[in-house]
Amino acid sequence: MIFIDTSVWIQYLSNGEPRLVNRFNQILEADQVALSVMVWLELLSGASHNELTRLRRVLSALPRFYPADKTWTRLESWVERAVKSGQRFSAMDLLIGSIAVDQNAKIWSLDSDFKRMEKLGFIELF
């Protein structure tokens, strides 16, 4: 399973770089795409009024995952480890990462913060 971050979705939905779109389609066709509730909300909140209905329909076909108690417990330890190593991350990115870990999934993102999270051993990137 691959949790696709908002940064990749934006490129995909705007018909961005052809290799990215092609790879995205392959993952989608293989039923490997997963959504954290935060990415789902980010995508919907960034949509225009005209795009909202279509985007909601597209996203509803994908499995959506929510934080569990263990998600929050892990976040607390990640924040402590990040601070000790001089790193800072948004709560949203940490939450996306922790939900992916809950599902033993990788994250596909264009956001360099996720690369830093992987270097600390928090997540695994696709």
Foldseek 3Di string as FASTA:
>chain_A
DEEEALQLVVCCVVVHDVVSVVVVVVCVVVLNYEYEVLRVVVVLVPDDPVCNVVSVVVNVVHHYFYDDPVLVVLLVVLVVLQVVVVHDDDPSVSSSLSRCVVVVHAYEHPDCVVVVCVVSVSGHHD
